[in-house]
Amino acid sequence: MLDNEVKEDNGKEIVQVHFIEKFTFKKYIEDGRNVFEKTIEAFQEGDETLFPKVSQKLNFHVRPKAINASDTFEFSNGNNITKRTFCTTKLHIAFLAQE
């Protein structure tokens, strides 16, 4: 877990790192499978708007994760879209860290 401190230039500086020995997502495996299945459905339908979103509160979601705007792949509908990754929210991580 990282503690951040805001610097004057609006950047963030890591000021402390904590190791969480028994940190795991194991009890959320069904949530992960659900998001994975929804992602497969988005590819099958050729509709990137079907990617799971953070607003759906599924504990995990799919979001863009690219080096820059040119870091794309050809989606199943033929459009080039930015590369994507599975994520969880900072709030969910904080909740897990407190357990």
C-alpha atoms as a PDB file:
ATOM      1  CA  MET A   1       0.000   0.000   0.000  1.00  0.00           C
ATOM      2  CA  LEU A   2       1.442   3.388  -0.935  1.00  0.00           C
ATOM      3  CA  ASP A   3       1.066   6.637   0.950  1.00  0.00           C
ATOM      4  CA  ASN A   4       1.289   9.601  -1.424  1.00  0.00           C
ATOM      5  CA  GLU A   5       2.151  13.178  -0.688  1.00  0.00           C
ATOM      6  CA  VAL A   6       1.153  15.960  -3.094  1.00  0.00           C
ATOM      7  CA  LYS A   7       4.086  18.061  -4.229  1.00  0.00           C
ATOM      8  CA  GLU A   8       3.844  21.735  -5.178  1.00  0.00           C
ATOM      9  CA  ASP A   9       3.942  20.935  -8.899  1.00  0.00           C
ATOM     10  CA  ASN A  10       0.725  18.841  -8.452  1.00  0.00           C
ATOM     11  CA  GLY A  11       2.742  15.656  -8.894  1.00  0.00           C
ATOM     12  CA  LYS A  12       2.798  12.889  -6.304  1.00  0.00           C
ATOM     13  CA  GLU A  13       5.732  11.555  -4.407  1.00  0.00           C
ATOM     14  CA  ILE A  14       5.759   8.146  -2.703  1.00  0.00           C
ATOM     15  CA  VAL A  15       6.607   8.765   0.930  1.00  0.00           C
ATOM     16  CA  GLN A  16       5.991   5.330   2.438  1.00  0.00           C
ATOM     17  CA  VAL A  17       5.387   1.755   1.287  1.00  0.00           C
ATOM     18  CA  HIS A  18       3.679  -0.929   3.405  1.00  0.00           C
ATOM     19  CA  PHE A  19       3.913  -4.636   2.628  1.00  0.00           C
ATOM     20  CA  ILE A  20       0.623  -6.471   3.188  1.00  0.00           C
ATOM     21  CA  GLU A  21       1.644 -10.058   3.847  1.00  0.00           C
ATOM     22  CA  LYS A  22      -1.598 -11.946   3.152  1.00  0.00           C
ATOM     23  CA  PHE A  23      -3.114  -9.702   0.494  1.00  0.00           C
ATOM     24  CA  THR A  24      -5.282 -11.683  -1.937  1.00  0.00           C
ATOM     25  CA  PHE A  25      -8.206 -11.409  -4.335  1.00  0.00           C
ATOM     26  CA  LYS A  26      -9.142 -15.102  -3.902  1.00  0.00           C
ATOM     27  CA  LYS A  27     -12.573 -14.478  -2.413  1.00  0.00           C
ATOM     28  CA  TYR A  28     -13.401 -12.266  -5.406  1.00  0.00           C
ATOM     29  CA  ILE A  29     -12.728 -14.929  -8.037  1.00  0.00           C
ATOM     30  CA  GLU A  30     -16.386 -15.011  -9.100  1.00  0.00           C
ATOM     31  CA  ASP A  31     -16.366 -11.220  -9.530  1.00  0.00           C
ATOM     32  CA  GLY A  32     -13.267 -11.604 -11.693  1.00  0.00           C
ATOM     33  CA  ARG A  33     -14.891 -14.323 -13.783  1.00  0.00           C
ATOM     34  CA  ASN A  34     -18.004 -12.180 -14.216  1.00  0.00           C
ATOM     35  CA  VAL A  35     -15.953  -9.239 -15.533  1.00  0.00           C
ATOM     36  CA  PHE A  36     -13.951 -11.578 -17.772  1.00  0.00           C
ATOM     37  CA  GLU A  37     -17.180 -13.025 -19.243  1.00  0.00           C
ATOM     38  CA  LYS A  38     -18.560  -9.519 -19.850  1.00  0.00           C
ATOM     39  CA  THR A  39     -15.302  -8.657 -21.630  1.00  0.00           C
ATOM     40  CA  ILE A  40     -15.595 -11.746 -23.840  1.00  0.00           C
ATOM     41  CA  GLU A  41     -19.180 -10.702 -24.634  1.00  0.00           C
ATOM     42  CA  ALA A  42     -17.955  -7.240 -25.680  1.00  0.00           C
ATOM     43  CA  PHE A  43     -15.526  -8.873 -28.116  1.00  0.00           C
ATOM     44  CA  GLN A  44     -18.155 -11.283 -29.446  1.00  0.00           C
ATOM     45  CA  GLU A  45     -20.658  -8.468 -29.992  1.00  0.00           C
ATOM     46  CA  GLY A  46     -17.995  -6.142 -31.408  1.00  0.00           C
ATOM     47  CA  ASP A  47     -19.150  -3.438 -28.985  1.00  0.00           C
ATOM     48  CA  GLU A  48     -16.502  -1.782 -26.826  1.00  0.00           C
ATOM     49  CA  THR A  49     -19.207   0.006 -24.812  1.00  0.00           C
ATOM     50  CA  LEU A  50     -19.963  -3.402 -23.251  1.00  0.00           C
ATOM     51  CA  PHE A  51     -16.616  -3.485 -21.423  1.00  0.00           C
ATOM     52  CA  PRO A  52     -17.315  -3.528 -17.666  1.00  0.00           C
ATOM     53  CA  LYS A  53     -17.087  -0.015 -16.209  1.00  0.00           C
ATOM     54  CA  VAL A  54     -16.104   1.222 -12.749  1.00  0.00           C
ATOM     55  CA  SER A  55     -19.594   2.748 -12.402  1.00  0.00           C
ATOM     56  CA  GLN A  56     -21.095  -0.768 -12.502  1.00  0.00           C
ATOM     57  CA  LYS A  57     -19.488  -1.504  -9.095  1.00  0.00           C
ATOM     58  CA  LEU A  58     -18.393  -5.041 -10.009  1.00  0.00           C
ATOM     59  CA  ASN A  59     -15.141  -4.769  -7.954  1.00  0.00           C
ATOM     60  CA  PHE A  60     -13.220  -5.007 -11.244  1.00  0.00           C
ATOM     61  CA  HIS A  61     -13.539  -3.207 -14.569  1.00  0.00           C
ATOM     62  CA  VAL A  62     -11.802  -2.759 -17.923  1.00  0.00           C
ATOM     63  CA  ARG A  63     -10.090   0.516 -18.714  1.00  0.00           C
ATOM     64  CA  PRO A  64      -7.693   1.906 -21.294  1.00  0.00           C
ATOM     65  CA  LYS A  65      -4.037   1.188 -20.541  1.00  0.00           C
ATOM     66  CA  ALA A  66      -1.835   2.382 -23.346  1.00  0.00           C
ATOM     67  CA  ILE A  67       1.527   4.087 -23.647  1.00  0.00           C
ATOM     68  CA  ASN A  68      -0.063   6.802 -25.793  1.00  0.00           C
ATOM     69  CA  ALA A  69      -2.985   7.358 -28.173  1.00  0.00           C
ATOM     70  CA  SER A  70      -1.177   5.341 -30.874  1.00  0.00           C
ATOM     71  CA  ASP A  71      -0.905   2.254 -28.650  1.00  0.00           C
ATOM     72  CA  THR A  72      -3.927   0.454 -30.106  1.00  0.00           C
ATOM     73  CA  PHE A  73      -5.188  -2.912 -31.277  1.00  0.00           C
ATOM     74  CA  GLU A  74      -7.790  -3.961 -33.810  1.00  0.00           C
ATOM     75  CA  PHE A  75     -11.024  -4.678 -31.946  1.00  0.00           C
ATOM     76  CA  SER A  76     -13.409  -7.366 -33.166  1.00  0.00           C
ATOM     77  CA  ASN A  77     -15.525  -4.766 -35.011  1.00  0.00           C
ATOM     78  CA  GLY A  78     -12.477  -3.717 -37.073  1.00  0.00           C
ATOM     79  CA  ASN A  79     -11.889  -0.415 -35.241  1.00  0.00           C
ATOM     80  CA  ASN A  80      -8.516   0.387 -33.707  1.00  0.00           C
ATOM     81  CA  ILE A  81      -8.990   1.133 -30.003  1.00  0.00           C
ATOM     82  CA  THR A  82      -6.537   1.840 -27.186  1.00  0.00           C
ATOM     83  CA  LYS A  83      -5.202  -1.208 -25.385  1.00  0.00           C
ATOM     84  CA  ARG A  84      -7.209  -2.246 -22.306  1.00  0.00           C
ATOM     85  CA  THR A  85      -6.541  -3.892 -18.961  1.00  0.00           C
ATOM     86  CA  PHE A  86      -8.455  -5.278 -15.996  1.00  0.00           C
ATOM     87  CA  CYS A  87      -8.434  -3.018 -12.923  1.00  0.00           C
ATOM     88  CA  THR A  88      -9.907  -2.588  -9.496  1.00  0.00           C
ATOM     89  CA  THR A  89     -10.525   0.679  -7.682  1.00  0.00           C
ATOM     90  CA  LYS A  90      -8.364   2.354  -5.036  1.00  0.00           C
ATOM     91  CA  LEU A  91     -11.310   2.086  -2.648  1.00  0.00           C
ATOM     92  CA  HIS A  92     -11.550  -1.676  -3.161  1.00  0.00           C
ATOM     93  CA  ILE A  93      -7.803  -2.081  -2.557  1.00  0.00           C
ATOM     94  CA  ALA A  94      -8.077   0.037   0.609  1.00  0.00           C
ATOM     95  CA  PHE A  95     -10.980  -2.120   1.800  1.00  0.00           C
ATOM     96  CA  LEU A  96      -9.005  -5.326   1.197  1.00  0.00           C
ATOM     97  CA  ALA A  97      -5.969  -3.911   2.968  1.00  0.00           C
ATOM     98  CA  GLN A  98      -8.044  -3.254   6.084  1.00  0.00           C
ATOM     99  CA  GLU A  99      -9.409  -6.811   6.277  1.00  0.00           C
END
